[in-house]
Amino acid sequence: MSASVGVERHQDDLNEMQAYLKSFESLPADNTTYSEDDHLFTVAKLVTTAAQLRHETRGAHIRTDFPHPDPNWQGKQITFQLKEENDEHTATGRTVTPLLT
């Protein structure tokens, strides 16, 4: 994560990390329901996906392939919501405007 999804990010590195993380989704789950590794894995997927969606540099999110802020992203954020479907959790990403202006 530090090498591919660290402070400086590039689409190629993000795609590589997403493929790497996806390779673990087909492995059999252990008996630990909510282990620390599960949480770290979920955070890694969410951070990688959010970094791929935001095509700009803003604050601590530095995209070397998109070096400038995009005015269309001003005041917007990416959020994820967990949905339970057939006892599985799936994260869906969406862009929303902040509640407070």
N, C-alpha and C. Protein backbone atom coordinates (compact mmCIF):
# COMPACT_ATOMS: atom_id res chain seq x y z
N MET A 1 0.83 -1.19 0.00
CA MET A 1 0.00 0.00 0.00
C MET A 1 0.87 1.25 0.00
N SER A 2 1.94 1.26 0.79
CA SER A 2 2.79 2.46 0.85
C SER A 2 3.42 2.77 -0.50
N ALA A 3 3.82 1.75 -1.23
CA ALA A 3 4.49 1.97 -2.52
C ALA A 3 3.51 2.37 -3.62
N SER A 4 2.32 1.78 -3.64
CA SER A 4 1.38 2.00 -4.74
C SER A 4 0.27 3.00 -4.43
N VAL A 5 -0.10 3.12 -3.16
CA VAL A 5 -1.22 3.97 -2.77
C VAL A 5 -0.77 4.90 -1.64
N GLY A 6 0.47 5.33 -1.71
CA GLY A 6 1.01 6.23 -0.70
C GLY A 6 0.58 7.66 -0.96
N VAL A 7 1.40 8.61 -0.56
CA VAL A 7 1.06 10.02 -0.73
C VAL A 7 0.99 10.38 -2.21
N GLU A 8 1.97 9.93 -2.99
CA GLU A 8 1.94 10.16 -4.44
C GLU A 8 1.38 8.93 -5.12
N ARG A 9 0.36 9.16 -5.96
CA ARG A 9 -0.35 8.05 -6.58
C ARG A 9 -0.42 8.24 -8.09
N HIS A 10 -0.46 7.12 -8.81
CA HIS A 10 -0.59 7.15 -10.27
C HIS A 10 -1.54 6.02 -10.65
N GLN A 11 -2.32 6.24 -11.71
CA GLN A 11 -3.32 5.25 -12.12
C GLN A 11 -2.73 3.86 -12.32
N ASP A 12 -1.56 3.77 -12.94
CA ASP A 12 -0.94 2.45 -13.17
C ASP A 12 -0.68 1.71 -11.86
N ASP A 13 -0.16 2.42 -10.86
CA ASP A 13 0.10 1.81 -9.55
C ASP A 13 -1.20 1.43 -8.86
N LEU A 14 -2.21 2.28 -8.99
CA LEU A 14 -3.51 2.00 -8.37
C LEU A 14 -4.15 0.77 -9.00
N ASN A 15 -4.06 0.66 -10.32
CA ASN A 15 -4.61 -0.52 -11.01
C ASN A 15 -3.88 -1.79 -10.57
N GLU A 16 -2.56 -1.68 -10.43
CA GLU A 16 -1.76 -2.82 -9.99
C GLU A 16 -2.17 -3.27 -8.58
N MET A 17 -2.36 -2.30 -7.69
CA MET A 17 -2.77 -2.63 -6.32
C MET A 17 -4.17 -3.22 -6.30
N GLN A 18 -5.06 -2.69 -7.10
CA GLN A 18 -6.42 -3.22 -7.13
C GLN A 18 -6.41 -4.68 -7.61
N ALA A 19 -5.63 -4.98 -8.64
CA ALA A 19 -5.51 -6.36 -9.12
C ALA A 19 -4.92 -7.26 -8.04
N TYR A 20 -3.91 -6.76 -7.34
CA TYR A 20 -3.29 -7.53 -6.26
C TYR A 20 -4.31 -7.83 -5.16
N LEU A 21 -5.08 -6.82 -4.75
CA LEU A 21 -6.09 -7.02 -3.71
C LEU A 21 -7.18 -7.97 -4.18
N LYS A 22 -7.57 -7.85 -5.44
CA LYS A 22 -8.61 -8.71 -5.99
C LYS A 22 -8.18 -10.19 -5.97
N SER A 23 -6.89 -10.44 -6.10
CA SER A 23 -6.40 -11.82 -6.09
C SER A 23 -6.66 -12.51 -4.75
N PHE A 24 -6.84 -11.76 -3.69
CA PHE A 24 -7.10 -12.34 -2.38
C PHE A 24 -8.58 -12.63 -2.15
N GLU A 25 -9.46 -12.04 -2.96
CA GLU A 25 -10.89 -12.23 -2.75
C GLU A 25 -11.34 -13.65 -3.03
N SER A 26 -10.58 -14.42 -3.80
CA SER A 26 -10.98 -15.78 -4.12
C SER A 26 -10.41 -16.80 -3.13
N LEU A 27 -9.62 -16.35 -2.19
CA LEU A 27 -9.06 -17.26 -1.19
C LEU A 27 -10.14 -17.62 -0.18
N PRO A 28 -10.11 -18.83 0.37
CA PRO A 28 -11.10 -19.21 1.38
C PRO A 28 -10.93 -18.37 2.64
N ALA A 29 -12.05 -17.97 3.20
CA ALA A 29 -12.02 -17.17 4.43
C ALA A 29 -11.67 -18.07 5.61
N ASP A 30 -10.99 -17.47 6.60
CA ASP A 30 -10.70 -18.24 7.80
C ASP A 30 -11.91 -18.19 8.74
N ASN A 31 -11.78 -18.76 9.88
CA ASN A 31 -12.90 -18.82 10.82
C ASN A 31 -13.07 -17.55 11.64
N THR A 32 -12.13 -16.62 11.52
CA THR A 32 -12.22 -15.38 12.27
C THR A 32 -13.16 -14.43 11.54
N THR A 33 -14.25 -14.08 12.16
CA THR A 33 -15.26 -13.27 11.49
C THR A 33 -14.77 -11.86 11.22
N TYR A 34 -14.31 -11.15 12.22
CA TYR A 34 -13.89 -9.77 12.05
C TYR A 34 -12.46 -9.59 12.57
N SER A 35 -11.51 -10.19 11.91
CA SER A 35 -10.14 -10.08 12.36
C SER A 35 -9.53 -8.76 11.91
N GLU A 36 -8.43 -8.40 12.50
CA GLU A 36 -7.74 -7.17 12.11
C GLU A 36 -7.34 -7.20 10.65
N ASP A 37 -6.90 -8.35 10.16
CA ASP A 37 -6.52 -8.47 8.76
C ASP A 37 -7.70 -8.18 7.83
N ASP A 38 -8.89 -8.64 8.21
CA ASP A 38 -10.08 -8.37 7.41
C ASP A 38 -10.34 -6.87 7.31
N HIS A 39 -10.17 -6.19 8.43
CA HIS A 39 -10.39 -4.74 8.44
C HIS A 39 -9.33 -4.02 7.62
N LEU A 40 -8.09 -4.43 7.75
CA LEU A 40 -7.01 -3.82 6.97
C LEU A 40 -7.23 -4.05 5.48
N PHE A 41 -7.68 -5.23 5.12
CA PHE A 41 -7.97 -5.56 3.72
C PHE A 41 -9.09 -4.67 3.19
N THR A 42 -10.14 -4.49 3.98
CA THR A 42 -11.26 -3.64 3.57
C THR A 42 -10.80 -2.19 3.38
N VAL A 43 -10.03 -1.68 4.31
CA VAL A 43 -9.52 -0.31 4.20
C VAL A 43 -8.64 -0.16 2.96
N ALA A 44 -7.79 -1.15 2.70
CA ALA A 44 -6.93 -1.09 1.51
C ALA A 44 -7.75 -1.02 0.23
N LYS A 45 -8.82 -1.82 0.15
CA LYS A 45 -9.68 -1.79 -1.04
C LYS A 45 -10.38 -0.44 -1.18
N LEU A 46 -10.88 0.09 -0.08
CA LEU A 46 -11.61 1.36 -0.14
C LEU A 46 -10.70 2.53 -0.50
N VAL A 47 -9.52 2.59 0.10
CA VAL A 47 -8.59 3.68 -0.20
C VAL A 47 -8.14 3.61 -1.66
N THR A 48 -7.84 2.41 -2.13
CA THR A 48 -7.41 2.24 -3.52
C THR A 48 -8.51 2.64 -4.49
N THR A 49 -9.73 2.21 -4.23
CA THR A 49 -10.85 2.55 -5.11
C THR A 49 -11.13 4.04 -5.10
N ALA A 50 -11.12 4.67 -3.94
CA ALA A 50 -11.36 6.11 -3.85
C ALA A 50 -10.27 6.89 -4.58
N ALA A 51 -9.02 6.45 -4.45
CA ALA A 51 -7.92 7.13 -5.13
C ALA A 51 -8.04 6.99 -6.64
N GLN A 52 -8.59 5.88 -7.12
CA GLN A 52 -8.80 5.70 -8.55
C GLN A 52 -9.91 6.60 -9.07
N LEU A 53 -10.92 6.81 -8.26
CA LEU A 53 -12.07 7.62 -8.69
C LEU A 53 -11.76 9.11 -8.77
N ARG A 54 -10.85 9.58 -7.93
CA ARG A 54 -10.58 11.02 -7.85
C ARG A 54 -9.41 11.39 -8.76
N HIS A 55 -9.73 11.94 -9.91
CA HIS A 55 -8.73 12.30 -10.92
C HIS A 55 -8.27 13.74 -10.74
N GLU A 56 -7.62 14.00 -9.66
CA GLU A 56 -7.08 15.33 -9.38
C GLU A 56 -6.10 15.23 -8.23
N THR A 57 -5.36 16.30 -8.02
CA THR A 57 -4.52 16.44 -6.84
C THR A 57 -5.18 17.47 -5.94
N ARG A 58 -5.41 17.09 -4.68
CA ARG A 58 -6.02 18.01 -3.72
C ARG A 58 -5.57 17.61 -2.33
N GLY A 59 -4.99 18.55 -1.61
CA GLY A 59 -4.54 18.27 -0.25
C GLY A 59 -3.48 17.18 -0.23
N ALA A 60 -3.69 16.18 0.62
CA ALA A 60 -2.72 15.09 0.75
C ALA A 60 -2.91 14.01 -0.31
N HIS A 61 -3.92 14.15 -1.15
CA HIS A 61 -4.15 13.20 -2.25
C HIS A 61 -3.44 13.74 -3.48
N ILE A 62 -2.27 13.19 -3.78
CA ILE A 62 -1.45 13.68 -4.90
C ILE A 62 -1.46 12.63 -5.99
N ARG A 63 -2.06 12.98 -7.13
CA ARG A 63 -2.05 12.11 -8.30
C ARG A 63 -1.00 12.65 -9.26
N THR A 64 0.06 11.90 -9.47
CA THR A 64 1.13 12.36 -10.37
C THR A 64 0.65 12.42 -11.82
N ASP A 65 -0.40 11.66 -12.16
CA ASP A 65 -0.96 11.71 -13.51
C ASP A 65 -2.03 12.79 -13.66
N PHE A 66 -2.49 13.38 -12.56
CA PHE A 66 -3.42 14.51 -12.55
C PHE A 66 -2.89 15.53 -11.53
N PRO A 67 -1.88 16.31 -11.90
CA PRO A 67 -1.16 17.13 -10.93
C PRO A 67 -1.90 18.37 -10.41
N HIS A 68 -3.04 18.73 -10.99
CA HIS A 68 -3.71 19.96 -10.60
C HIS A 68 -5.10 19.68 -10.02
N PRO A 69 -5.55 20.55 -9.12
CA PRO A 69 -6.92 20.41 -8.61
C PRO A 69 -7.93 20.57 -9.75
N ASP A 70 -9.02 19.86 -9.66
CA ASP A 70 -10.11 19.95 -10.61
C ASP A 70 -11.24 20.72 -9.94
N PRO A 71 -11.63 21.87 -10.47
CA PRO A 71 -12.68 22.66 -9.83
C PRO A 71 -14.00 21.91 -9.67
N ASN A 72 -14.23 20.90 -10.49
CA ASN A 72 -15.46 20.11 -10.38
C ASN A 72 -15.51 19.29 -9.09
N TRP A 73 -14.34 19.04 -8.49
CA TRP A 73 -14.27 18.28 -7.25
C TRP A 73 -14.34 19.17 -6.01
N GLN A 74 -14.29 20.46 -6.18
CA GLN A 74 -14.31 21.39 -5.04
C GLN A 74 -15.54 21.11 -4.17
N GLY A 75 -15.31 20.85 -2.89
CA GLY A 75 -16.40 20.65 -1.95
C GLY A 75 -17.07 19.29 -2.05
N LYS A 76 -16.49 18.35 -2.78
CA LYS A 76 -17.08 17.02 -2.91
C LYS A 76 -16.18 15.99 -2.27
N GLN A 77 -16.76 14.87 -1.94
CA GLN A 77 -16.02 13.79 -1.31
C GLN A 77 -16.53 12.46 -1.83
N ILE A 78 -15.76 11.43 -1.63
CA ILE A 78 -16.16 10.07 -2.01
C ILE A 78 -16.52 9.33 -0.74
N THR A 79 -17.68 8.72 -0.74
CA THR A 79 -18.09 7.92 0.41
C THR A 79 -18.43 6.52 -0.06
N PHE A 80 -18.37 5.57 0.86
CA PHE A 80 -18.74 4.20 0.57
C PHE A 80 -19.77 3.76 1.57
N GLN A 81 -20.69 2.93 1.13
CA GLN A 81 -21.73 2.42 2.00
C GLN A 81 -21.74 0.90 1.90
N LEU A 82 -21.70 0.24 3.04
CA LEU A 82 -21.76 -1.22 3.05
C LEU A 82 -23.21 -1.66 2.91
N LYS A 83 -23.43 -2.62 2.04
CA LYS A 83 -24.77 -3.18 1.85
C LYS A 83 -24.70 -4.67 2.11
N GLU A 84 -25.67 -5.18 2.81
CA GLU A 84 -25.71 -6.62 3.06
C GLU A 84 -26.62 -7.26 2.03
N GLU A 85 -26.06 -8.18 1.27
CA GLU A 85 -26.82 -8.93 0.29
C GLU A 85 -26.44 -10.40 0.43
N ASN A 86 -27.40 -11.22 0.78
CA ASN A 86 -27.14 -12.65 0.95
C ASN A 86 -25.98 -12.90 1.91
N ASP A 87 -25.98 -12.19 3.04
CA ASP A 87 -24.95 -12.32 4.06
C ASP A 87 -23.56 -11.90 3.58
N GLU A 88 -23.48 -11.13 2.49
CA GLU A 88 -22.20 -10.63 2.01
C GLU A 88 -22.23 -9.10 2.10
N HIS A 89 -21.10 -8.53 2.37
CA HIS A 89 -20.98 -7.07 2.40
C HIS A 89 -20.34 -6.62 1.10
N THR A 90 -20.97 -5.65 0.45
CA THR A 90 -20.39 -5.08 -0.76
C THR A 90 -20.30 -3.57 -0.57
N ALA A 91 -19.21 -2.99 -1.02
CA ALA A 91 -19.02 -1.54 -0.91
C ALA A 91 -19.31 -0.92 -2.27
N THR A 92 -20.11 0.13 -2.23
CA THR A 92 -20.38 0.87 -3.45
C THR A 92 -19.88 2.29 -3.26
N GLY A 93 -19.22 2.83 -4.24
CA GLY A 93 -18.69 4.18 -4.14
C GLY A 93 -19.58 5.18 -4.83
N ARG A 94 -19.64 6.38 -4.31
CA ARG A 94 -20.38 7.44 -4.96
C ARG A 94 -19.82 8.77 -4.54
N THR A 95 -20.00 9.76 -5.37
CA THR A 95 -19.56 11.10 -5.05
C THR A 95 -20.75 11.87 -4.47
N VAL A 96 -20.52 12.55 -3.37
CA VAL A 96 -21.59 13.32 -2.75
C VAL A 96 -21.09 14.71 -2.40
N THR A 97 -22.01 15.62 -2.30
CA THR A 97 -21.65 16.95 -1.82
C THR A 97 -21.71 16.93 -0.30
N PRO A 98 -20.92 17.73 0.38
CA PRO A 98 -20.93 17.71 1.84
C PRO A 98 -22.25 18.22 2.39
N LEU A 99 -22.61 17.77 3.58
CA LEU A 99 -23.83 18.21 4.22
C LEU A 99 -23.73 19.65 4.70
N LEU A 100 -22.54 20.04 5.13
CA LEU A 100 -22.33 21.40 5.61
C LEU A 100 -21.63 22.22 4.53
N THR A 101 -22.06 23.43 4.30
CA THR A 101 -21.40 24.27 3.32
C THR A 101 -20.70 25.43 3.98
